[in-house]
Amino acid sequence: MSDLRRFANENKFASCFRTSAKTGYNINEAMKYLIETVIDRMSKVSSKEFTTDRKSVTLIPEKHENNDRYRQQQKSGCC
């Protein structure tokens, strides 16, 4: 068993992929697996459970209406 696979198993990762950002090696496969795994796991949890789970984040768009204006102000400043 490779060190990467052993590390993934010991840390209870869903899987592991050797990838290269430089060459693009295995990037599509890794991203496809990641997205499919997230969608699959989210579909098994009811929306109420998902949003009250202490390990998840609930985004409320109304609370973030001013984010674009805030970002613009941050970009225009120096330091």
PDB file of N, CA and C in Angstrom:
ATOM      1  N   MET A   1       0.842  -1.179   0.000  1.00  0.00           N
ATOM      2  CA  MET A   1       0.000   0.000   0.000  1.00  0.00           C
ATOM      3  C   MET A   1       0.890   1.245   0.000  1.00  0.00           C
ATOM      4  N   SER A   2       0.556   2.222  -0.833  1.00  0.00           N
ATOM      5  CA  SER A   2       1.370   3.428  -0.922  1.00  0.00           C
ATOM      6  C   SER A   2       1.193   4.293   0.326  1.00  0.00           C
ATOM      7  N   ASP A   3       2.151   5.161   0.567  1.00  0.00           N
ATOM      8  CA  ASP A   3       2.075   6.070   1.713  1.00  0.00           C
ATOM      9  C   ASP A   3       0.843   6.963   1.621  1.00  0.00           C
ATOM     10  N   LEU A   4       0.531   7.422   0.426  1.00  0.00           N
ATOM     11  CA  LEU A   4      -0.639   8.280   0.236  1.00  0.00           C
ATOM     12  C   LEU A   4      -1.918   7.533   0.598  1.00  0.00           C
ATOM     13  N   ARG A   5      -2.068   6.328   0.101  1.00  0.00           N
ATOM     14  CA  ARG A   5      -3.257   5.515   0.387  1.00  0.00           C
ATOM     15  C   ARG A   5      -3.337   5.201   1.882  1.00  0.00           C
ATOM     16  N   ARG A   6      -2.213   4.888   2.504  1.00  0.00           N
ATOM     17  CA  ARG A   6      -2.191   4.593   3.939  1.00  0.00           C
ATOM     18  C   ARG A   6      -2.617   5.828   4.744  1.00  0.00           C
ATOM     19  N   PHE A   7      -2.084   6.993   4.382  1.00  0.00           N
ATOM     20  CA  PHE A   7      -2.453   8.233   5.060  1.00  0.00           C
ATOM     21  C   PHE A   7      -3.950   8.496   4.927  1.00  0.00           C
ATOM     22  N   ALA A   8      -4.495   8.311   3.725  1.00  0.00           N
ATOM     23  CA  ALA A   8      -5.921   8.528   3.488  1.00  0.00           C
ATOM     24  C   ALA A   8      -6.761   7.571   4.333  1.00  0.00           C
ATOM     25  N   ASN A   9      -6.381   6.327   4.383  1.00  0.00           N
ATOM     26  CA  ASN A   9      -7.119   5.339   5.184  1.00  0.00           C
ATOM     27  C   ASN A   9      -7.052   5.650   6.680  1.00  0.00           C
ATOM     28  N   GLU A  10      -5.870   5.993   7.166  1.00  0.00           N
ATOM     29  CA  GLU A  10      -5.694   6.286   8.589  1.00  0.00           C
ATOM     30  C   GLU A  10      -6.506   7.515   9.023  1.00  0.00           C
ATOM     31  N   ASN A  11      -6.693   8.460   8.115  1.00  0.00           N
ATOM     32  CA  ASN A  11      -7.410   9.690   8.438  1.00  0.00           C
ATOM     33  C   ASN A  11      -8.861   9.681   7.957  1.00  0.00           C
ATOM     34  N   LYS A  12      -9.317   8.498   7.547  1.00  0.00           N
ATOM     35  CA  LYS A  12     -10.703   8.280   7.124  1.00  0.00           C
ATOM     36  C   LYS A  12     -11.127   9.204   5.982  1.00  0.00           C
ATOM     37  N   PHE A  13     -10.224   9.436   5.038  1.00  0.00           N
ATOM     38  CA  PHE A  13     -10.561  10.193   3.834  1.00  0.00           C
ATOM     39  C   PHE A  13     -11.386   9.297   2.920  1.00  0.00           C
ATOM     40  N   ALA A  14     -12.260   9.902   2.128  1.00  0.00           N
ATOM     41  CA  ALA A  14     -13.087   9.130   1.202  1.00  0.00           C
ATOM     42  C   ALA A  14     -12.218   8.430   0.161  1.00  0.00           C
ATOM     43  N   SER A  15     -11.174   9.099  -0.284  1.00  0.00           N
ATOM     44  CA  SER A  15     -10.271   8.543  -1.282  1.00  0.00           C
ATOM     45  C   SER A  15      -9.036   9.432  -1.374  1.00  0.00           C
ATOM     46  N   CYS A  16      -8.156   9.107  -2.302  1.00  0.00           N
ATOM     47  CA  CYS A  16      -6.994   9.957  -2.543  1.00  0.00           C
ATOM     48  C   CYS A  16      -6.596   9.813  -4.011  1.00  0.00           C
ATOM     49  N   PHE A  17      -6.015  10.847  -4.543  1.00  0.00           N
ATOM     50  CA  PHE A  17      -5.604  10.874  -5.945  1.00  0.00           C
ATOM     51  C   PHE A  17      -4.241  11.535  -6.056  1.00  0.00           C
ATOM     52  N   ARG A  18      -3.384  10.965  -6.836  1.00  0.00           N
ATOM     53  CA  ARG A  18      -2.145  11.660  -7.208  1.00  0.00           C
ATOM     54  C   ARG A  18      -2.519  12.583  -8.356  1.00  0.00           C
ATOM     55  N   THR A  19      -2.187  13.865  -8.208  1.00  0.00           N
ATOM     56  CA  THR A  19      -2.551  14.856  -9.227  1.00  0.00           C
ATOM     57  C   THR A  19      -1.362  15.762  -9.520  1.00  0.00           C
ATOM     58  N   SER A  20      -1.472  16.508 -10.594  1.00  0.00           N
ATOM     59  CA  SER A  20      -0.463  17.512 -10.931  1.00  0.00           C
ATOM     60  C   SER A  20      -1.168  18.739 -11.494  1.00  0.00           C
ATOM     61  N   ALA A  21      -1.035  19.862 -10.798  1.00  0.00           N
ATOM     62  CA  ALA A  21      -1.589  21.112 -11.305  1.00  0.00           C
ATOM     63  C   ALA A  21      -0.805  21.563 -12.541  1.00  0.00           C
ATOM     64  N   LYS A  22       0.446  21.207 -12.605  1.00  0.00           N
ATOM     65  CA  LYS A  22       1.297  21.601 -13.728  1.00  0.00           C
ATOM     66  C   LYS A  22       0.871  20.924 -15.025  1.00  0.00           C
ATOM     67  N   THR A  23       0.654  19.624 -14.968  1.00  0.00           N
ATOM     68  CA  THR A  23       0.318  18.886 -16.190  1.00  0.00           C
ATOM     69  C   THR A  23      -1.173  18.609 -16.326  1.00  0.00           C
ATOM     70  N   GLY A  24      -1.912  18.780 -15.224  1.00  0.00           N
ATOM     71  CA  GLY A  24      -3.334  18.480 -15.246  1.00  0.00           C
ATOM     72  C   GLY A  24      -3.636  17.008 -15.004  1.00  0.00           C
ATOM     73  N   TYR A  25      -2.608  16.240 -14.689  1.00  0.00           N
ATOM     74  CA  TYR A  25      -2.767  14.811 -14.483  1.00  0.00           C
ATOM     75  C   TYR A  25      -3.771  14.521 -13.370  1.00  0.00           C
ATOM     76  N   ASN A  26      -4.815  13.773 -13.702  1.00  0.00           N
ATOM     77  CA  ASN A  26      -5.799  13.254 -12.774  1.00  0.00           C
ATOM     78  C   ASN A  26      -6.688  14.319 -12.117  1.00  0.00           C
ATOM     79  N   ILE A  27      -6.594  15.562 -12.547  1.00  0.00           N
ATOM     80  CA  ILE A  27      -7.393  16.637 -11.956  1.00  0.00           C
ATOM     81  C   ILE A  27      -8.883  16.400 -12.208  1.00  0.00           C
ATOM     82  N   ASN A  28      -9.249  16.121 -13.450  1.00  0.00           N
ATOM     83  CA  ASN A  28     -10.665  15.904 -13.764  1.00  0.00           C
ATOM     84  C   ASN A  28     -11.240  14.728 -12.980  1.00  0.00           C
ATOM     85  N   GLU A  29     -10.490  13.654 -12.882  1.00  0.00           N
ATOM     86  CA  GLU A  29     -10.956  12.481 -12.167  1.00  0.00           C
ATOM     87  C   GLU A  29     -11.157  12.787 -10.679  1.00  0.00           C
ATOM     88  N   ALA A  30     -10.198  13.496 -10.089  1.00  0.00           N
ATOM     89  CA  ALA A  30     -10.286  13.833  -8.669  1.00  0.00           C
ATOM     90  C   ALA A  30     -11.469  14.760  -8.395  1.00  0.00           C
ATOM     91  N   MET A  31     -11.656  15.768  -9.238  1.00  0.00           N
ATOM     92  CA  MET A  31     -12.758  16.711  -9.041  1.00  0.00           C
ATOM     93  C   MET A  31     -14.108  16.019  -9.248  1.00  0.00           C
ATOM     94  N   LYS A  32     -14.189  15.162 -10.246  1.00  0.00           N
ATOM     95  CA  LYS A  32     -15.440  14.432 -10.487  1.00  0.00           C
ATOM     96  C   LYS A  32     -15.780  13.575  -9.274  1.00  0.00           C
ATOM     97  N   TYR A  33     -14.802  12.873  -8.740  1.00  0.00           N
ATOM     98  CA  TYR A  33     -15.030  12.040  -7.565  1.00  0.00           C
ATOM     99  C   TYR A  33     -15.467  12.893  -6.376  1.00  0.00           C
ATOM    100  N   LEU A  34     -14.804  14.012  -6.164  1.00  0.00           N
ATOM    101  CA  LEU A  34     -15.134  14.890  -5.049  1.00  0.00           C
ATOM    102  C   LEU A  34     -16.566  15.396  -5.149  1.00  0.00           C
ATOM    103  N   ILE A  35     -16.942  15.899  -6.310  1.00  0.00           N
ATOM    104  CA  ILE A  35     -18.286  16.444  -6.505  1.00  0.00           C
ATOM    105  C   ILE A  35     -19.347  15.359  -6.342  1.00  0.00           C
ATOM    106  N   GLU A  36     -19.124  14.207  -6.951  1.00  0.00           N
ATOM    107  CA  GLU A  36     -20.096  13.110  -6.831  1.00  0.00           C
ATOM    108  C   GLU A  36     -20.245  12.652  -5.381  1.00  0.00           C
ATOM    109  N   THR A  37     -19.144  12.608  -4.646  1.00  0.00           N
ATOM    110  CA  THR A  37     -19.189  12.182  -3.246  1.00  0.00           C
ATOM    111  C   THR A  37     -19.946  13.190  -2.395  1.00  0.00           C
ATOM    112  N   VAL A  38     -19.697  14.470  -2.596  1.00  0.00           N
ATOM    113  CA  VAL A  38     -20.398  15.507  -1.831  1.00  0.00           C
ATOM    114  C   VAL A  38     -21.887  15.467  -2.132  1.00  0.00           C
ATOM    115  N   ILE A  39     -22.249  15.400  -3.405  1.00  0.00           N
ATOM    116  CA  ILE A  39     -23.669  15.350  -3.783  1.00  0.00           C
ATOM    117  C   ILE A  39     -24.332  14.110  -3.200  1.00  0.00           C
ATOM    118  N   ASP A  40     -23.663  12.981  -3.288  1.00  0.00           N
ATOM    119  CA  ASP A  40     -24.224  11.744  -2.748  1.00  0.00           C
ATOM    120  C   ASP A  40     -24.451  11.855  -1.243  1.00  0.00           C
ATOM    121  N   ARG A  41     -23.480  12.367  -0.526  1.00  0.00           N
ATOM    122  CA  ARG A  41     -23.616  12.480   0.938  1.00  0.00           C
ATOM    123  C   ARG A  41     -24.665  13.513   1.322  1.00  0.00           C
ATOM    124  N   MET A  42     -24.747  14.610   0.579  1.00  0.00           N
ATOM    125  CA  MET A  42     -25.753  15.628   0.886  1.00  0.00           C
ATOM    126  C   MET A  42     -27.158  15.103   0.622  1.00  0.00           C
ATOM    127  N   SER A  43     -27.315  14.250  -0.383  1.00  0.00           N
ATOM    128  CA  SER A  43     -28.638  13.725  -0.711  1.00  0.00           C
ATOM    129  C   SER A  43     -29.148  12.762   0.353  1.00  0.00           C
ATOM    130  N   LYS A  44     -28.257  12.250   1.166  1.00  0.00           N
ATOM    131  CA  LYS A  44     -28.651  11.306   2.207  1.00  0.00           C
ATOM    132  C   LYS A  44     -29.000  11.991   3.527  1.00  0.00           C
ATOM    133  N   VAL A  45     -28.810  13.291   3.587  1.00  0.00           N
ATOM    134  CA  VAL A  45     -29.087  14.050   4.806  1.00  0.00           C
ATOM    135  C   VAL A  45     -30.236  14.997   4.524  1.00  0.00           C
ATOM    136  N   SER A  46     -31.239  15.014   5.398  1.00  0.00           N
ATOM    137  CA  SER A  46     -32.353  15.934   5.172  1.00  0.00           C
ATOM    138  C   SER A  46     -31.855  17.364   5.317  1.00  0.00           C
ATOM    139  N   SER A  47     -32.519  18.305   4.679  1.00  0.00           N
ATOM    140  CA  SER A  47     -32.085  19.696   4.730  1.00  0.00           C
ATOM    141  C   SER A  47     -32.067  20.220   6.158  1.00  0.00           C
ATOM    142  N   LYS A  48     -33.021  19.805   6.995  1.00  0.00           N
ATOM    143  CA  LYS A  48     -33.043  20.258   8.387  1.00  0.00           C
ATOM    144  C   LYS A  48     -31.802  19.759   9.128  1.00  0.00           C
ATOM    145  N   GLU A  49     -31.459  18.492   8.935  1.00  0.00           N
ATOM    146  CA  GLU A  49     -30.276  17.948   9.599  1.00  0.00           C
ATOM    147  C   GLU A  49     -29.014  18.646   9.108  1.00  0.00           C
ATOM    148  N   PHE A  50     -28.960  18.895   7.823  1.00  0.00           N
ATOM    149  CA  PHE A  50     -27.757  19.503   7.248  1.00  0.00           C
ATOM    150  C   PHE A  50     -27.528  20.899   7.800  1.00  0.00           C
ATOM    151  N   THR A  51     -28.586  21.700   7.898  1.00  0.00           N
ATOM    152  CA  THR A  51     -28.402  23.085   8.326  1.00  0.00           C
ATOM    153  C   THR A  51     -28.247  23.226   9.826  1.00  0.00           C
ATOM    154  N   THR A  52     -28.633  22.227  10.613  1.00  0.00           N
ATOM    155  CA  THR A  52     -28.451  22.326  12.060  1.00  0.00           C
ATOM    156  C   THR A  52     -27.224  21.565  12.534  1.00  0.00           C
ATOM    157  N   ASP A  53     -26.594  20.855  11.640  1.00  0.00           N
ATOM    158  CA  ASP A  53     -25.373  20.128  11.978  1.00  0.00           C
ATOM    159  C   ASP A  53     -24.288  21.128  12.351  1.00  0.00           C
ATOM    160  N   ARG A  54     -23.682  20.960  13.497  1.00  0.00           N
ATOM    161  CA  ARG A  54     -22.668  21.903  13.973  1.00  0.00           C
ATOM    162  C   ARG A  54     -21.422  21.902  13.085  1.00  0.00           C
ATOM    163  N   LYS A  55     -21.274  20.913  12.226  1.00  0.00           N
ATOM    164  CA  LYS A  55     -20.104  20.843  11.365  1.00  0.00           C
ATOM    165  C   LYS A  55     -20.379  21.429   9.991  1.00  0.00           C
ATOM    166  N   SER A  56     -21.565  21.997   9.788  1.00  0.00           N
ATOM    167  CA  SER A  56     -21.891  22.561   8.486  1.00  0.00           C
ATOM    168  C   SER A  56     -22.085  24.070   8.601  1.00  0.00           C
ATOM    169  N   VAL A  57     -22.197  24.709   7.473  1.00  0.00           N
ATOM    170  CA  VAL A  57     -22.376  26.152   7.410  1.00  0.00           C
ATOM    171  C   VAL A  57     -23.672  26.439   6.682  1.00  0.00           C
ATOM    172  N   THR A  58     -24.478  27.317   7.248  1.00  0.00           N
ATOM    173  CA  THR A  58     -25.711  27.720   6.610  1.00  0.00           C
ATOM    174  C   THR A  58     -25.518  29.126   6.047  1.00  0.00           C
ATOM    175  N   LEU A  59     -25.700  29.269   4.765  1.00  0.00           N
ATOM    176  CA  LEU A  59     -25.566  30.578   4.135  1.00  0.00           C
ATOM    177  C   LEU A  59     -26.940  31.197   3.970  1.00  0.00           C
ATOM    178  N   ILE A  60     -27.080  32.427   4.421  1.00  0.00           N
ATOM    179  CA  ILE A  60     -28.333  33.149   4.299  1.00  0.00           C
ATOM    180  C   ILE A  60     -28.054  34.351   3.400  1.00  0.00           C
ATOM    181  N   PRO A  61     -28.493  34.302   2.134  1.00  0.00           N
ATOM    182  CA  PRO A  61     -28.170  35.359   1.177  1.00  0.00           C
ATOM    183  C   PRO A  61     -28.521  36.766   1.661  1.00  0.00           C
ATOM    184  N   GLU A  62     -29.634  36.917   2.368  1.00  0.00           N
ATOM    185  CA  GLU A  62     -30.048  38.245   2.808  1.00  0.00           C
ATOM    186  C   GLU A  62     -29.000  38.900   3.709  1.00  0.00           C
ATOM    187  N   LYS A  63     -28.277  38.108   4.452  1.00  0.00           N
ATOM    188  CA  LYS A  63     -27.261  38.649   5.355  1.00  0.00           C
ATOM    189  C   LYS A  63     -25.996  39.046   4.609  1.00  0.00           C
ATOM    190  N   HIS A  64     -25.913  38.712   3.342  1.00  0.00           N
ATOM    191  CA  HIS A  64     -24.702  38.957   2.583  1.00  0.00           C
ATOM    192  C   HIS A  64     -24.935  39.905   1.407  1.00  0.00           C
ATOM    193  N   GLU A  65     -26.034  40.650   1.445  1.00  0.00           N
ATOM    194  CA  GLU A  65     -26.370  41.527   0.323  1.00  0.00           C
ATOM    195  C   GLU A  65     -25.312  42.594   0.077  1.00  0.00           C
ATOM    196  N   ASN A  66     -24.629  43.038   1.114  1.00  0.00           N
ATOM    197  CA  ASN A  66     -23.666  44.126   0.970  1.00  0.00           C
ATOM    198  C   ASN A  66     -22.247  43.638   0.728  1.00  0.00           C
ATOM    199  N   ASN A  67     -22.066  42.356   0.516  1.00  0.00           N
ATOM    200  CA  ASN A  67     -20.722  41.824   0.322  1.00  0.00           C
ATOM    201  C   ASN A  67     -20.009  42.430  -0.877  1.00  0.00           C
ATOM    202  N   ASP A  68     -20.705  42.614  -2.013  1.00  0.00           N
ATOM    203  CA  ASP A  68     -20.060  43.178  -3.202  1.00  0.00           C
ATOM    204  C   ASP A  68     -19.564  44.591  -2.925  1.00  0.00           C
ATOM    205  N   ARG A  69     -20.398  45.382  -2.247  1.00  0.00           N
ATOM    206  CA  ARG A  69     -20.001  46.756  -1.920  1.00  0.00           C
ATOM    207  C   ARG A  69     -18.807  46.726  -0.967  1.00  0.00           C
ATOM    208  N   TYR A  70     -18.827  45.838   0.005  1.00  0.00           N
ATOM    209  CA  TYR A  70     -17.734  45.713   0.961  1.00  0.00           C
ATOM    210  C   TYR A  70     -16.432  45.327   0.258  1.00  0.00           C
ATOM    211  N   ARG A  71     -16.509  44.371  -0.664  1.00  0.00           N
ATOM    212  CA  ARG A  71     -15.317  43.950  -1.404  1.00  0.00           C
ATOM    213  C   ARG A  71     -14.745  45.088  -2.223  1.00  0.00           C
ATOM    214  N   GLN A  72     -15.609  45.873  -2.853  1.00  0.00           N
ATOM    215  CA  GLN A  72     -15.142  47.000  -3.660  1.00  0.00           C
ATOM    216  C   GLN A  72     -14.413  48.007  -2.773  1.00  0.00           C
ATOM    217  N   GLN A  73     -14.936  48.264  -1.593  1.00  0.00           N
ATOM    218  CA  GLN A  73     -14.294  49.208  -0.673  1.00  0.00           C
ATOM    219  C   GLN A  73     -12.923  48.673  -0.256  1.00  0.00           C
ATOM    220  N   GLN A  74     -12.827  47.377  -0.018  1.00  0.00           N
ATOM    221  CA  GLN A  74     -11.568  46.783   0.394  1.00  0.00           C
ATOM    222  C   GLN A  74     -10.524  46.861  -0.717  1.00  0.00           C
ATOM    223  N   LYS A  75     -10.953  46.676  -1.971  1.00  0.00           N
ATOM    224  CA  LYS A  75     -10.029  46.701  -3.101  1.00  0.00           C
ATOM    225  C   LYS A  75      -9.491  48.107  -3.345  1.00  0.00           C
ATOM    226  N   SER A  76     -10.307  49.135  -3.065  1.00  0.00           N
ATOM    227  CA  SER A  76      -9.897  50.485  -3.403  1.00  0.00           C
ATOM    228  C   SER A  76      -8.903  51.054  -2.399  1.00  0.00           C
ATOM    229  N   GLY A  77      -8.828  50.468  -1.213  1.00  0.00           N
ATOM    230  CA  GLY A  77      -7.907  50.994  -0.212  1.00  0.00           C
ATOM    231  C   GLY A  77      -6.490  50.527  -0.448  1.00  0.00           C
ATOM    232  N   CYS A  78      -5.603  51.130   0.213  1.00  0.00           N
ATOM    233  CA  CYS A  78      -4.198  50.754   0.082  1.00  0.00           C
ATOM    234  C   CYS A  78      -3.803  49.947   1.293  1.00  0.00           C
ATOM    235  N   CYS A  79      -3.477  49.103   1.745  1.00  0.00           N
ATOM    236  CA  CYS A  79      -3.047  48.482   2.980  1.00  0.00           C
ATOM    237  C   CYS A  79      -4.207  48.004   3.775  1.00  0.00           C
TER     238      CYS A  79
END
